[in-house]
Amino acid sequence: MPDRAAIQSADPNERILAIRAAGKAKDKQAVPLLVDRLEDEDEAVRFFAILALDRITGRHERFGYDYAKPARERAKAVEQWRRYVRDGEDSMLHDGSSHAREGQAVEARASGTQESQP
């Protein structure tokens, strides 16, 4: 089991190692901590945090998150990640594809695009 506490270490290298371990282990319990790291002052930490979230959640569109953008440009995506965790959307982590398809359908309706079927 990865050391979740190290995700919040004062040392960016320790944070990166812990984040990578959480991603590799697909540690679902680390998701809220990884979302916090999306606002990390260290660009490399942010990069590995979004990669770990990709791997654990399967949300490859990332809510538009770009680790290299300035904080104010990342803020909307970070808030969407926080809402994802807060509103229980991480139930997708436990259930898988059916919930993901529901989310895609909602996003498609919201954007006015056609939903693609699997």
PDB file of N, CA and C in Angstrom:
ATOM      1  N   MET A   1       0.854  -1.185   0.000  1.00  0.00           N
ATOM      2  CA  MET A   1       0.000   0.000   0.000  1.00  0.00           C
ATOM      3  C   MET A   1       0.895   1.242   0.000  1.00  0.00           C
ATOM      4  N   PRO A   2       0.631   2.176  -0.911  1.00  0.00           N
ATOM      5  CA  PRO A   2       1.431   3.407  -0.955  1.00  0.00           C
ATOM      6  C   PRO A   2       1.287   4.221   0.331  1.00  0.00           C
ATOM      7  N   ASP A   3       2.303   5.019   0.605  1.00  0.00           N
ATOM      8  CA  ASP A   3       2.297   5.898   1.771  1.00  0.00           C
ATOM      9  C   ASP A   3       1.546   7.176   1.410  1.00  0.00           C
ATOM     10  N   ARG A   4       0.259   7.221   1.749  1.00  0.00           N
ATOM     11  CA  ARG A   4      -0.564   8.384   1.389  1.00  0.00           C
ATOM     12  C   ARG A   4      -0.076   9.657   2.070  1.00  0.00           C
ATOM     13  N   ALA A   5       0.446   9.554   3.265  1.00  0.00           N
ATOM     14  CA  ALA A   5       0.920  10.748   3.982  1.00  0.00           C
ATOM     15  C   ALA A   5       2.027  11.443   3.202  1.00  0.00           C
ATOM     16  N   ALA A   6       2.858  10.682   2.505  1.00  0.00           N
ATOM     17  CA  ALA A   6       3.959  11.273   1.743  1.00  0.00           C
ATOM     18  C   ALA A   6       3.468  12.115   0.570  1.00  0.00           C
ATOM     19  N   ILE A   7       2.211  11.935   0.167  1.00  0.00           N
ATOM     20  CA  ILE A   7       1.637  12.760  -0.900  1.00  0.00           C
ATOM     21  C   ILE A   7       1.611  14.221  -0.467  1.00  0.00           C
ATOM     22  N   GLN A   8       1.614  14.457   0.837  1.00  0.00           N
ATOM     23  CA  GLN A   8       1.584  15.810   1.386  1.00  0.00           C
ATOM     24  C   GLN A   8       2.925  16.228   1.983  1.00  0.00           C
ATOM     25  N   SER A   9       3.980  15.502   1.685  1.00  0.00           N
ATOM     26  CA  SER A   9       5.309  15.790   2.211  1.00  0.00           C
ATOM     27  C   SER A   9       5.754  17.206   1.838  1.00  0.00           C
ATOM     28  N   ALA A  10       6.630  17.772   2.645  1.00  0.00           N
ATOM     29  CA  ALA A  10       7.215  19.079   2.327  1.00  0.00           C
ATOM     30  C   ALA A  10       8.194  18.977   1.164  1.00  0.00           C
ATOM     31  N   ASP A  11       8.705  17.792   0.905  1.00  0.00           N
ATOM     32  CA  ASP A  11       9.689  17.567  -0.158  1.00  0.00           C
ATOM     33  C   ASP A  11       8.975  17.171  -1.457  1.00  0.00           C
ATOM     34  N   PRO A  12       9.107  17.975  -2.507  1.00  0.00           N
ATOM     35  CA  PRO A  12       8.417  17.656  -3.761  1.00  0.00           C
ATOM     36  C   PRO A  12       8.813  16.297  -4.337  1.00  0.00           C
ATOM     37  N   ASN A  13      10.060  15.894  -4.143  1.00  0.00           N
ATOM     38  CA  ASN A  13      10.474  14.583  -4.648  1.00  0.00           C
ATOM     39  C   ASN A  13       9.747  13.453  -3.931  1.00  0.00           C
ATOM     40  N   GLU A  14       9.557  13.595  -2.634  1.00  0.00           N
ATOM     41  CA  GLU A  14       8.788  12.597  -1.883  1.00  0.00           C
ATOM     42  C   GLU A  14       7.336  12.588  -2.334  1.00  0.00           C
ATOM     43  N   ARG A  15       6.783  13.796  -2.570  1.00  0.00           N
ATOM     44  CA  ARG A  15       5.400  13.869  -3.043  1.00  0.00           C
ATOM     45  C   ARG A  15       5.268  13.125  -4.370  1.00  0.00           C
ATOM     46  N   ILE A  16       6.207  13.360  -5.280  1.00  0.00           N
ATOM     47  CA  ILE A  16       6.156  12.710  -6.596  1.00  0.00           C
ATOM     48  C   ILE A  16       6.231  11.198  -6.455  1.00  0.00           C
ATOM     49  N   LEU A  17       7.151  10.705  -5.652  1.00  0.00           N
ATOM     50  CA  LEU A  17       7.276   9.256  -5.468  1.00  0.00           C
ATOM     51  C   LEU A  17       5.988   8.653  -4.902  1.00  0.00           C
ATOM     52  N   ALA A  18       5.397   9.325  -3.930  1.00  0.00           N
ATOM     53  CA  ALA A  18       4.155   8.835  -3.331  1.00  0.00           C
ATOM     54  C   ALA A  18       2.994   8.896  -4.325  1.00  0.00           C
ATOM     55  N   ILE A  19       2.944   9.960  -5.106  1.00  0.00           N
ATOM     56  CA  ILE A  19       1.889  10.111  -6.113  1.00  0.00           C
ATOM     57  C   ILE A  19       2.009   9.017  -7.162  1.00  0.00           C
ATOM     58  N   ARG A  20       3.233   8.782  -7.628  1.00  0.00           N
ATOM     59  CA  ARG A  20       3.449   7.727  -8.624  1.00  0.00           C
ATOM     60  C   ARG A  20       3.062   6.360  -8.069  1.00  0.00           C
ATOM     61  N   ALA A  21       3.397   6.104  -6.804  1.00  0.00           N
ATOM     62  CA  ALA A  21       3.046   4.829  -6.178  1.00  0.00           C
ATOM     63  C   ALA A  21       1.532   4.676  -6.068  1.00  0.00           C
ATOM     64  N   ALA A  22       0.834   5.744  -5.712  1.00  0.00           N
ATOM     65  CA  ALA A  22      -0.628   5.698  -5.609  1.00  0.00           C
ATOM     66  C   ALA A  22      -1.251   5.411  -6.975  1.00  0.00           C
ATOM     67  N   GLY A  23      -0.718   6.060  -8.016  1.00  0.00           N
ATOM     68  CA  GLY A  23      -1.229   5.816  -9.358  1.00  0.00           C
ATOM     69  C   GLY A  23      -0.986   4.392  -9.807  1.00  0.00           C
ATOM     70  N   LYS A  24       0.209   3.910  -9.576  1.00  0.00           N
ATOM     71  CA  LYS A  24       0.565   2.550  -9.977  1.00  0.00           C
ATOM     72  C   LYS A  24      -0.316   1.522  -9.259  1.00  0.00           C
ATOM     73  N   ALA A  25      -0.593   1.768  -7.974  1.00  0.00           N
ATOM     74  CA  ALA A  25      -1.429   0.866  -7.179  1.00  0.00           C
ATOM     75  C   ALA A  25      -2.919   1.089  -7.414  1.00  0.00           C
ATOM     76  N   LYS A  26      -3.263   2.133  -8.185  1.00  0.00           N
ATOM     77  CA  LYS A  26      -4.660   2.523  -8.400  1.00  0.00           C
ATOM     78  C   LYS A  26      -5.375   2.675  -7.053  1.00  0.00           C
ATOM     79  N   ASP A  27      -4.719   3.423  -6.165  1.00  0.00           N
ATOM     80  CA  ASP A  27      -5.187   3.644  -4.803  1.00  0.00           C
ATOM     81  C   ASP A  27      -6.346   4.641  -4.793  1.00  0.00           C
ATOM     82  N   LYS A  28      -7.552   4.140  -4.774  1.00  0.00           N
ATOM     83  CA  LYS A  28      -8.753   4.970  -4.835  1.00  0.00           C
ATOM     84  C   LYS A  28      -8.872   5.902  -3.630  1.00  0.00           C
ATOM     85  N   GLN A  29      -8.359   5.463  -2.497  1.00  0.00           N
ATOM     86  CA  GLN A  29      -8.432   6.283  -1.289  1.00  0.00           C
ATOM     87  C   GLN A  29      -7.536   7.522  -1.382  1.00  0.00           C
ATOM     88  N   ALA A  30      -6.582   7.517  -2.298  1.00  0.00           N
ATOM     89  CA  ALA A  30      -5.668   8.651  -2.459  1.00  0.00           C
ATOM     90  C   ALA A  30      -6.245   9.751  -3.338  1.00  0.00           C
ATOM     91  N   VAL A  31      -7.375   9.517  -3.989  1.00  0.00           N
ATOM     92  CA  VAL A  31      -7.917  10.488  -4.946  1.00  0.00           C
ATOM     93  C   VAL A  31      -8.080  11.885  -4.350  1.00  0.00           C
ATOM     94  N   PRO A  32      -8.687  12.060  -3.175  1.00  0.00           N
ATOM     95  CA  PRO A  32      -8.814  13.425  -2.635  1.00  0.00           C
ATOM     96  C   PRO A  32      -7.451  14.105  -2.422  1.00  0.00           C
ATOM     97  N   LEU A  33      -6.463  13.349  -1.979  1.00  0.00           N
ATOM     98  CA  LEU A  33      -5.125  13.909  -1.780  1.00  0.00           C
ATOM     99  C   LEU A  33      -4.499  14.299  -3.113  1.00  0.00           C
ATOM    100  N   LEU A  34      -4.730  13.489  -4.123  1.00  0.00           N
ATOM    101  CA  LEU A  34      -4.194  13.793  -5.458  1.00  0.00           C
ATOM    102  C   LEU A  34      -4.854  15.037  -6.035  1.00  0.00           C
ATOM    103  N   VAL A  35      -6.146  15.186  -5.804  1.00  0.00           N
ATOM    104  CA  VAL A  35      -6.840  16.395  -6.265  1.00  0.00           C
ATOM    105  C   VAL A  35      -6.226  17.621  -5.601  1.00  0.00           C
ATOM    106  N   ASP A  36      -5.895  17.525  -4.330  1.00  0.00           N
ATOM    107  CA  ASP A  36      -5.227  18.643  -3.652  1.00  0.00           C
ATOM    108  C   ASP A  36      -3.905  18.983  -4.331  1.00  0.00           C
ATOM    109  N   ARG A  37      -3.191  17.981  -4.798  1.00  0.00           N
ATOM    110  CA  ARG A  37      -1.880  18.198  -5.430  1.00  0.00           C
ATOM    111  C   ARG A  37      -2.005  18.843  -6.803  1.00  0.00           C
ATOM    112  N   LEU A  38      -3.215  18.918  -7.356  1.00  0.00           N
ATOM    113  CA  LEU A  38      -3.402  19.626  -8.627  1.00  0.00           C
ATOM    114  C   LEU A  38      -3.114  21.117  -8.477  1.00  0.00           C
ATOM    115  N   GLU A  39      -3.083  21.591  -7.242  1.00  0.00           N
ATOM    116  CA  GLU A  39      -2.766  22.994  -6.956  1.00  0.00           C
ATOM    117  C   GLU A  39      -1.380  23.151  -6.353  1.00  0.00           C
ATOM    118  N   ASP A  40      -0.588  22.124  -6.423  1.00  0.00           N
ATOM    119  CA  ASP A  40       0.754  22.154  -5.847  1.00  0.00           C
ATOM    120  C   ASP A  40       1.589  23.252  -6.492  1.00  0.00           C
ATOM    121  N   GLU A  41       2.505  23.837  -5.717  1.00  0.00           N
ATOM    122  CA  GLU A  41       3.377  24.886  -6.252  1.00  0.00           C
ATOM    123  C   GLU A  41       4.404  24.321  -7.237  1.00  0.00           C
ATOM    124  N   ASP A  42       4.654  23.027  -7.168  1.00  0.00           N
ATOM    125  CA  ASP A  42       5.646  22.385  -8.030  1.00  0.00           C
ATOM    126  C   ASP A  42       4.964  21.800  -9.279  1.00  0.00           C
ATOM    127  N   GLU A  43       5.387  22.252 -10.440  1.00  0.00           N
ATOM    128  CA  GLU A  43       4.770  21.814 -11.698  1.00  0.00           C
ATOM    129  C   GLU A  43       4.886  20.303 -11.894  1.00  0.00           C
ATOM    130  N   ALA A  44       6.005  19.713 -11.529  1.00  0.00           N
ATOM    131  CA  ALA A  44       6.186  18.271 -11.698  1.00  0.00           C
ATOM    132  C   ALA A  44       5.219  17.492 -10.807  1.00  0.00           C
ATOM    133  N   VAL A  45       4.978  17.984  -9.615  1.00  0.00           N
ATOM    134  CA  VAL A  45       4.017  17.341  -8.717  1.00  0.00           C
ATOM    135  C   VAL A  45       2.636  17.369  -9.356  1.00  0.00           C
ATOM    136  N   ARG A  46       2.255  18.528  -9.916  1.00  0.00           N
ATOM    137  CA  ARG A  46       0.952  18.638 -10.576  1.00  0.00           C
ATOM    138  C   ARG A  46       0.855  17.673 -11.751  1.00  0.00           C
ATOM    139  N   PHE A  47       1.927  17.559 -12.522  1.00  0.00           N
ATOM    140  CA  PHE A  47       1.974  16.663 -13.673  1.00  0.00           C
ATOM    141  C   PHE A  47       1.720  15.216 -13.235  1.00  0.00           C
ATOM    142  N   PHE A  48       2.448  14.762 -12.223  1.00  0.00           N
ATOM    143  CA  PHE A  48       2.279  13.380 -11.776  1.00  0.00           C
ATOM    144  C   PHE A  48       0.933  13.165 -11.091  1.00  0.00           C
ATOM    145  N   ALA A  49       0.397  14.199 -10.451  1.00  0.00           N
ATOM    146  CA  ALA A  49      -0.918  14.076  -9.816  1.00  0.00           C
ATOM    147  C   ALA A  49      -2.007  13.835 -10.858  1.00  0.00           C
ATOM    148  N   ILE A  50      -1.975  14.577 -11.960  1.00  0.00           N
ATOM    149  CA  ILE A  50      -3.020  14.375 -12.970  1.00  0.00           C
ATOM    150  C   ILE A  50      -2.847  13.033 -13.667  1.00  0.00           C
ATOM    151  N   LEU A  51      -1.614  12.594 -13.856  1.00  0.00           N
ATOM    152  CA  LEU A  51      -1.398  11.269 -14.432  1.00  0.00           C
ATOM    153  C   LEU A  51      -1.948  10.176 -13.518  1.00  0.00           C
ATOM    154  N   ALA A  52      -1.711  10.315 -12.218  1.00  0.00           N
ATOM    155  CA  ALA A  52      -2.228   9.332 -11.261  1.00  0.00           C
ATOM    156  C   ALA A  52      -3.755   9.344 -11.248  1.00  0.00           C
ATOM    157  N   LEU A  53      -4.356  10.531 -11.291  1.00  0.00           N
ATOM    158  CA  LEU A  53      -5.816  10.607 -11.338  1.00  0.00           C
ATOM    159  C   LEU A  53      -6.357   9.956 -12.604  1.00  0.00           C
ATOM    160  N   ASP A  54      -5.688  10.187 -13.729  1.00  0.00           N
ATOM    161  CA  ASP A  54      -6.074   9.514 -14.980  1.00  0.00           C
ATOM    162  C   ASP A  54      -6.113   8.007 -14.782  1.00  0.00           C
ATOM    163  N   ARG A  55      -5.039   7.499 -14.233  1.00  0.00           N
ATOM    164  CA  ARG A  55      -4.891   6.044 -14.082  1.00  0.00           C
ATOM    165  C   ARG A  55      -5.927   5.473 -13.116  1.00  0.00           C
ATOM    166  N   ILE A  56      -6.154   6.164 -12.016  1.00  0.00           N
ATOM    167  CA  ILE A  56      -7.062   5.648 -10.992  1.00  0.00           C
ATOM    168  C   ILE A  56      -8.521   5.792 -11.409  1.00  0.00           C
ATOM    169  N   THR A  57      -8.896   6.942 -11.945  1.00  0.00           N
ATOM    170  CA  THR A  57     -10.311   7.219 -12.223  1.00  0.00           C
ATOM    171  C   THR A  57     -10.734   6.892 -13.638  1.00  0.00           C
ATOM    172  N   GLY A  58      -9.803   6.887 -14.565  1.00  0.00           N
ATOM    173  CA  GLY A  58     -10.166   6.688 -15.967  1.00  0.00           C
ATOM    174  C   GLY A  58     -10.756   7.930 -16.611  1.00  0.00           C
ATOM    175  N   ARG A  59     -10.694   9.083 -15.940  1.00  0.00           N
ATOM    176  CA  ARG A  59     -11.250  10.339 -16.478  1.00  0.00           C
ATOM    177  C   ARG A  59     -10.186  11.016 -17.323  1.00  0.00           C
ATOM    178  N   HIS A  60      -9.979  10.497 -18.510  1.00  0.00           N
ATOM    179  CA  HIS A  60      -8.883  10.970 -19.346  1.00  0.00           C
ATOM    180  C   HIS A  60      -9.101  12.360 -19.929  1.00  0.00           C
ATOM    181  N   GLU A  61     -10.308  12.890 -19.883  1.00  0.00           N
ATOM    182  CA  GLU A  61     -10.500  14.260 -20.362  1.00  0.00           C
ATOM    183  C   GLU A  61     -10.064  15.273 -19.310  1.00  0.00           C
ATOM    184  N   ARG A  62      -9.879  14.853 -18.077  1.00  0.00           N
ATOM    185  CA  ARG A  62      -9.272  15.645 -17.010  1.00  0.00           C
ATOM    186  C   ARG A  62     -10.037  16.907 -16.630  1.00  0.00           C
ATOM    187  N   PHE A  63     -11.264  17.062 -17.060  1.00  0.00           N
ATOM    188  CA  PHE A  63     -12.032  18.281 -16.797  1.00  0.00           C
ATOM    189  C   PHE A  63     -11.321  19.507 -17.366  1.00  0.00           C
ATOM    190  N   GLY A  64     -10.503  19.312 -18.371  1.00  0.00           N
ATOM    191  CA  GLY A  64      -9.771  20.415 -18.974  1.00  0.00           C
ATOM    192  C   GLY A  64      -8.538  20.847 -18.207  1.00  0.00           C
ATOM    193  N   TYR A  65      -8.131  20.072 -17.227  1.00  0.00           N
ATOM    194  CA  TYR A  65      -6.979  20.426 -16.395  1.00  0.00           C
ATOM    195  C   TYR A  65      -5.687  20.371 -17.201  1.00  0.00           C
ATOM    196  N   ASP A  66      -4.854  21.404 -17.039  1.00  0.00           N
ATOM    197  CA  ASP A  66      -3.524  21.448 -17.659  1.00  0.00           C
ATOM    198  C   ASP A  66      -2.541  21.887 -16.583  1.00  0.00           C
ATOM    199  N   TYR A  67      -1.692  20.958 -16.181  1.00  0.00           N
ATOM    200  CA  TYR A  67      -0.752  21.201 -15.078  1.00  0.00           C
ATOM    201  C   TYR A  67       0.168  22.395 -15.315  1.00  0.00           C
ATOM    202  N   ALA A  68       0.413  22.763 -16.573  1.00  0.00           N
ATOM    203  CA  ALA A  68       1.367  23.821 -16.892  1.00  0.00           C
ATOM    204  C   ALA A  68       0.737  25.222 -16.918  1.00  0.00           C
ATOM    205  N   LYS A  69      -0.563  25.298 -16.838  1.00  0.00           N
ATOM    206  CA  LYS A  69      -1.239  26.595 -16.870  1.00  0.00           C
ATOM    207  C   LYS A  69      -1.089  27.317 -15.530  1.00  0.00           C
ATOM    208  N   PRO A  70      -1.230  28.641 -15.553  1.00  0.00           N
ATOM    209  CA  PRO A  70      -1.218  29.401 -14.292  1.00  0.00           C
ATOM    210  C   PRO A  70      -2.385  28.975 -13.387  1.00  0.00           C
ATOM    211  N   ALA A  71      -2.243  29.196 -12.104  1.00  0.00           N
ATOM    212  CA  ALA A  71      -3.234  28.763 -11.117  1.00  0.00           C
ATOM    213  C   ALA A  71      -4.643  29.228 -11.463  1.00  0.00           C
ATOM    214  N   ARG A  72      -4.798  30.459 -11.872  1.00  0.00           N
ATOM    215  CA  ARG A  72      -6.150  30.957 -12.158  1.00  0.00           C
ATOM    216  C   ARG A  72      -6.779  30.231 -13.337  1.00  0.00           C
ATOM    217  N   GLU A  73      -5.964  29.743 -14.275  1.00  0.00           N
ATOM    218  CA  GLU A  73      -6.487  29.001 -15.417  1.00  0.00           C
ATOM    219  C   GLU A  73      -6.759  27.535 -15.068  1.00  0.00           C
ATOM    220  N   ARG A  74      -6.127  27.039 -14.035  1.00  0.00           N
ATOM    221  CA  ARG A  74      -6.367  25.666 -13.579  1.00  0.00           C
ATOM    222  C   ARG A  74      -7.554  25.588 -12.623  1.00  0.00           C
ATOM    223  N   ALA A  75      -7.938  26.716 -12.042  1.00  0.00           N
ATOM    224  CA  ALA A  75      -8.914  26.742 -10.947  1.00  0.00           C
ATOM    225  C   ALA A  75     -10.245  26.083 -11.294  1.00  0.00           C
ATOM    226  N   LYS A  76     -10.782  26.328 -12.468  1.00  0.00           N
ATOM    227  CA  LYS A  76     -12.080  25.755 -12.842  1.00  0.00           C
ATOM    228  C   LYS A  76     -11.998  24.227 -12.886  1.00  0.00           C
ATOM    229  N   ALA A  77     -10.950  23.700 -13.498  1.00  0.00           N
ATOM    230  CA  ALA A  77     -10.793  22.247 -13.580  1.00  0.00           C
ATOM    231  C   ALA A  77     -10.582  21.645 -12.198  1.00  0.00           C
ATOM    232  N   VAL A  78      -9.805  22.317 -11.359  1.00  0.00           N
ATOM    233  CA  VAL A  78      -9.575  21.811 -10.005  1.00  0.00           C
ATOM    234  C   VAL A  78     -10.898  21.768  -9.241  1.00  0.00           C
ATOM    235  N   GLU A  79     -11.709  22.791  -9.389  1.00  0.00           N
ATOM    236  CA  GLU A  79     -13.011  22.793  -8.721  1.00  0.00           C
ATOM    237  C   GLU A  79     -13.878  21.641  -9.229  1.00  0.00           C
ATOM    238  N   GLN A  80     -13.810  21.334 -10.508  1.00  0.00           N
ATOM    239  CA  GLN A  80     -14.576  20.198 -11.037  1.00  0.00           C
ATOM    240  C   GLN A  80     -14.067  18.881 -10.446  1.00  0.00           C
ATOM    241  N   TRP A  81     -12.756  18.755 -10.298  1.00  0.00           N
ATOM    242  CA  TRP A  81     -12.210  17.564  -9.643  1.00  0.00           C
ATOM    243  C   TRP A  81     -12.697  17.488  -8.204  1.00  0.00           C
ATOM    244  N   ARG A  82     -12.714  18.623  -7.489  1.00  0.00           N
ATOM    245  CA  ARG A  82     -13.181  18.622  -6.102  1.00  0.00           C
ATOM    246  C   ARG A  82     -14.657  18.229  -6.025  1.00  0.00           C
ATOM    247  N   ARG A  83     -15.447  18.733  -6.947  1.00  0.00           N
ATOM    248  CA  ARG A  83     -16.869  18.377  -6.998  1.00  0.00           C
ATOM    249  C   ARG A  83     -17.028  16.886  -7.298  1.00  0.00           C
ATOM    250  N   TYR A  84     -16.208  16.371  -8.181  1.00  0.00           N
ATOM    251  CA  TYR A  84     -16.206  14.949  -8.537  1.00  0.00           C
ATOM    252  C   TYR A  84     -16.031  14.093  -7.285  1.00  0.00           C
ATOM    253  N   VAL A  85     -15.107  14.487  -6.435  1.00  0.00           N
ATOM    254  CA  VAL A  85     -14.861  13.750  -5.190  1.00  0.00           C
ATOM    255  C   VAL A  85     -15.994  14.024  -4.194  1.00  0.00           C
ATOM    256  N   ARG A  86     -16.333  15.274  -3.993  1.00  0.00           N
ATOM    257  CA  ARG A  86     -17.318  15.684  -2.980  1.00  0.00           C
ATOM    258  C   ARG A  86     -18.704  15.104  -3.245  1.00  0.00           C
ATOM    259  N   ASP A  87     -19.125  15.091  -4.493  1.00  0.00           N
ATOM    260  CA  ASP A  87     -20.486  14.662  -4.824  1.00  0.00           C
ATOM    261  C   ASP A  87     -20.610  13.158  -5.004  1.00  0.00           C
ATOM    262  N   GLY A  88     -19.551  12.439  -4.673  1.00  0.00           N
ATOM    263  CA  GLY A  88     -19.638  10.996  -4.764  1.00  0.00           C
ATOM    264  C   GLY A  88     -19.420  10.463  -6.159  1.00  0.00           C
ATOM    265  N   GLU A  89     -18.969  11.313  -7.060  1.00  0.00           N
ATOM    266  CA  GLU A  89     -18.721  10.838  -8.414  1.00  0.00           C
ATOM    267  C   GLU A  89     -17.614   9.796  -8.428  1.00  0.00           C
ATOM    268  N   ASP A  90     -16.851   9.733  -7.344  1.00  0.00           N
ATOM    269  CA  ASP A  90     -15.820   8.717  -7.293  1.00  0.00           C
ATOM    270  C   ASP A  90     -16.409   7.336  -7.085  1.00  0.00           C
ATOM    271  N   SER A  91     -17.758   7.242  -6.992  1.00  0.00           N
ATOM    272  CA  SER A  91     -18.379   5.919  -6.986  1.00  0.00           C
ATOM    273  C   SER A  91     -18.062   5.199  -8.289  1.00  0.00           C
ATOM    274  N   MET A  92     -17.761   5.959  -9.328  1.00  0.00           N
ATOM    275  CA  MET A  92     -17.332   5.385 -10.592  1.00  0.00           C
ATOM    276  C   MET A  92     -16.076   4.553 -10.387  1.00  0.00           C
ATOM    277  N   LEU A  93     -15.273   4.935  -9.419  1.00  0.00           N
ATOM    278  CA  LEU A  93     -14.048   4.197  -9.141  1.00  0.00           C
ATOM    279  C   LEU A  93     -14.362   2.782  -8.682  1.00  0.00           C
ATOM    280  N   HIS A  94     -15.495   2.616  -8.033  1.00  0.00           N
ATOM    281  CA  HIS A  94     -15.845   1.318  -7.499  1.00  0.00           C
ATOM    282  C   HIS A  94     -16.720   0.533  -8.464  1.00  0.00           C
ATOM    283  N   ASP A  95     -17.460   1.228  -9.314  1.00  0.00           N
ATOM    284  CA  ASP A  95     -18.458   0.599 -10.156  1.00  0.00           C
ATOM    285  C   ASP A  95     -18.007   0.439 -11.595  1.00  0.00           C
ATOM    286  N   GLY A  96     -17.286   1.397 -12.121  1.00  0.00           N
ATOM    287  CA  GLY A  96     -16.767   1.256 -13.473  1.00  0.00           C
ATOM    288  C   GLY A  96     -17.589   1.896 -14.551  1.00  0.00           C
ATOM    289  N   SER A  97     -17.750   1.185 -15.647  1.00  0.00           N
ATOM    290  CA  SER A  97     -18.170   1.768 -16.910  1.00  0.00           C
ATOM    291  C   SER A  97     -19.587   2.298 -16.945  1.00  0.00           C
ATOM    292  N   SER A  98     -20.554   1.684 -16.268  1.00  0.00           N
ATOM    293  CA  SER A  98     -21.924   2.160 -16.400  1.00  0.00           C
ATOM    294  C   SER A  98     -22.047   3.591 -15.900  1.00  0.00           C
ATOM    295  N   HIS A  99     -21.403   3.908 -14.793  1.00  0.00           N
ATOM    296  CA  HIS A  99     -21.439   5.271 -14.270  1.00  0.00           C
ATOM    297  C   HIS A  99     -20.700   6.223 -15.208  1.00  0.00           C
ATOM    298  N   ALA A 100     -19.611   5.764 -15.783  1.00  0.00           N
ATOM    299  CA  ALA A 100     -18.855   6.596 -16.716  1.00  0.00           C
ATOM    300  C   ALA A 100     -19.713   6.949 -17.918  1.00  0.00           C
ATOM    301  N   ARG A 101     -20.458   5.984 -18.435  1.00  0.00           N
ATOM    302  CA  ARG A 101     -21.335   6.259 -19.587  1.00  0.00           C
ATOM    303  C   ARG A 101     -22.424   7.247 -19.215  1.00  0.00           C
ATOM    304  N   GLU A 102     -22.973   7.138 -17.979  1.00  0.00           N
ATOM    305  CA  GLU A 102     -23.976   8.093 -17.531  1.00  0.00           C
ATOM    306  C   GLU A 102     -23.393   9.503 -17.513  1.00  0.00           C
ATOM    307  N   GLY A 103     -22.181   9.640 -16.985  1.00  0.00           N
ATOM    308  CA  GLY A 103     -21.520  10.945 -16.944  1.00  0.00           C
ATOM    309  C   GLY A 103     -21.277  11.496 -18.333  1.00  0.00           C
ATOM    310  N   GLN A 104     -20.891  10.638 -19.267  1.00  0.00           N
ATOM    311  CA  GLN A 104     -20.661  11.082 -20.640  1.00  0.00           C
ATOM    312  C   GLN A 104     -21.965  11.548 -21.266  1.00  0.00           C
ATOM    313  N   ALA A 105     -23.051  10.837 -20.970  1.00  0.00           N
ATOM    314  CA  ALA A 105     -24.343  11.224 -21.520  1.00  0.00           C
ATOM    315  C   ALA A 105     -24.768  12.586 -20.993  1.00  0.00           C
ATOM    316  N   VAL A 106     -24.573  12.819 -19.689  1.00  0.00           N
ATOM    317  CA  VAL A 106     -24.915  14.110 -19.094  1.00  0.00           C
ATOM    318  C   VAL A 106     -24.071  15.211 -19.725  1.00  0.00           C
ATOM    319  N   GLU A 107     -22.758  14.971 -19.859  1.00  0.00           N
ATOM    320  CA  GLU A 107     -21.871  15.968 -20.466  1.00  0.00           C
ATOM    321  C   GLU A 107     -22.269  16.236 -21.918  1.00  0.00           C
ATOM    322  N   ALA A 108     -22.647  15.187 -22.646  1.00  0.00           N
ATOM    323  CA  ALA A 108     -23.036  15.350 -24.046  1.00  0.00           C
ATOM    324  C   ALA A 108     -24.305  16.192 -24.145  1.00  0.00           C
ATOM    325  N   ARG A 109     -25.283  15.915 -23.263  1.00  0.00           N
ATOM    326  CA  ARG A 109     -26.517  16.710 -23.294  1.00  0.00           C
ATOM    327  C   ARG A 109     -26.235  18.162 -22.942  1.00  0.00           C
ATOM    328  N   ALA A 110     -25.362  18.365 -21.958  1.00  0.00           N
ATOM    329  CA  ALA A 110     -25.030  19.726 -21.531  1.00  0.00           C
ATOM    330  C   ALA A 110     -24.343  20.506 -22.630  1.00  0.00           C
ATOM    331  N   SER A 111     -23.522  19.818 -23.428  1.00  0.00           N
ATOM    332  CA  SER A 111     -22.788  20.515 -24.476  1.00  0.00           C
ATOM    333  C   SER A 111     -23.555  20.536 -25.793  1.00  0.00           C
ATOM    334  N   GLY A 112     -24.693  19.807 -25.832  1.00  0.00           N
ATOM    335  CA  GLY A 112     -25.493  19.790 -27.050  1.00  0.00           C
ATOM    336  C   GLY A 112     -24.948  18.879 -28.123  1.00  0.00           C
ATOM    337  N   THR A 113     -24.047  17.976 -27.764  1.00  0.00           N
ATOM    338  CA  THR A 113     -23.492  17.046 -28.742  1.00  0.00           C
ATOM    339  C   THR A 113     -24.159  15.700 -28.633  1.00  0.00           C
ATOM    340  N   GLN A 114     -23.978  14.881 -29.635  1.00  0.00           N
ATOM    341  CA  GLN A 114     -24.523  13.530 -29.646  1.00  0.00           C
ATOM    342  C   GLN A 114     -23.698  12.648 -28.725  1.00  0.00           C
ATOM    343  N   GLU A 115     -24.372  11.772 -28.023  1.00  0.00           N
ATOM    344  CA  GLU A 115     -23.671  10.807 -27.171  1.00  0.00           C
ATOM    345  C   GLU A 115     -23.205   9.659 -28.036  1.00  0.00           C
ATOM    346  N   SER A 116     -21.964   9.247 -27.833  1.00  0.00           N
ATOM    347  CA  SER A 116     -21.469   8.083 -28.575  1.00  0.00           C
ATOM    348  C   SER A 116     -21.721   6.843 -27.768  1.00  0.00           C
ATOM    349  N   GLN A 117     -22.145   5.801 -28.421  1.00  0.00           N
ATOM    350  CA  GLN A 117     -22.403   4.535 -27.768  1.00  0.00           C
ATOM    351  C   GLN A 117     -21.148   3.693 -27.759  1.00  0.00           C
ATOM    352  N   PRO A 118     -20.942   2.903 -26.682  1.00  0.00           N
ATOM    353  CA  PRO A 118     -19.734   2.065 -26.611  1.00  0.00           C
ATOM    354  C   PRO A 118     -19.775   0.937 -27.614  1.00  0.00           C
TER     355      PRO A 118
END
